[in-house]
Amino acid sequence: MSEKGCIIDELNVQPDYLHFVVSIPPKVSVSSFMGKLKG
């Protein structure tokens, strides 16, 4: 996602879930980012 200007600032991976802190530019909506992340 770095080509879109999105940066994962922090990542915590567990066996059943993951937490992350991400910076996304104003031109990218949260729903659009999550859709691309989930595939």
Protein backbone atom coordinates (compact mmCIF):
# COMPACT_ATOMS: atom_id res chain seq x y z
CA MET A 1 0.00 0.00 0.00
CA SER A 2 3.00 2.31 0.16
CA GLU A 3 2.43 3.27 -3.49
CA LYS A 4 -0.86 4.86 -2.32
CA GLY A 5 0.88 6.75 0.49
CA CYS A 6 -0.33 4.42 3.25
CA ILE A 7 2.22 3.54 5.93
CA ILE A 8 1.91 0.85 8.60
CA ASP A 9 3.44 2.55 11.64
CA GLU A 10 3.06 -0.31 14.12
CA LEU A 11 2.12 -3.98 13.80
CA ASN A 12 1.29 -6.64 16.40
CA VAL A 13 0.54 -10.15 15.09
CA GLN A 14 -1.08 -12.81 17.27
CA PRO A 15 -2.17 -16.34 16.29
CA ASP A 16 -5.85 -15.38 15.94
CA TYR A 17 -5.78 -11.65 15.16
CA LEU A 18 -3.64 -8.65 14.37
CA HIS A 19 -3.52 -5.03 15.47
CA PHE A 20 -1.97 -2.26 13.44
CA VAL A 21 -1.61 1.51 13.45
CA VAL A 22 -1.66 2.91 9.95
CA SER A 23 -1.31 6.37 8.42
CA ILE A 24 -3.44 6.93 5.34
CA PRO A 25 -3.61 10.13 3.31
CA PRO A 26 -6.90 12.08 3.17
CA LYS A 27 -7.45 11.05 -0.47
CA VAL A 28 -7.78 7.36 0.57
CA SER A 29 -10.96 6.42 2.44
CA VAL A 30 -10.78 4.05 5.39
CA SER A 31 -13.24 1.66 3.72
CA SER A 32 -11.18 1.63 0.51
CA PHE A 33 -8.00 0.92 2.49
CA MET A 34 -9.63 -1.92 4.44
CA GLY A 35 -11.06 -3.41 1.24
CA LYS A 36 -7.62 -3.54 -0.35
CA LEU A 37 -6.05 -4.88 2.84
CA LYS A 38 -8.56 -7.73 3.17
CA GLY A 39 -8.28 -8.57 -0.51
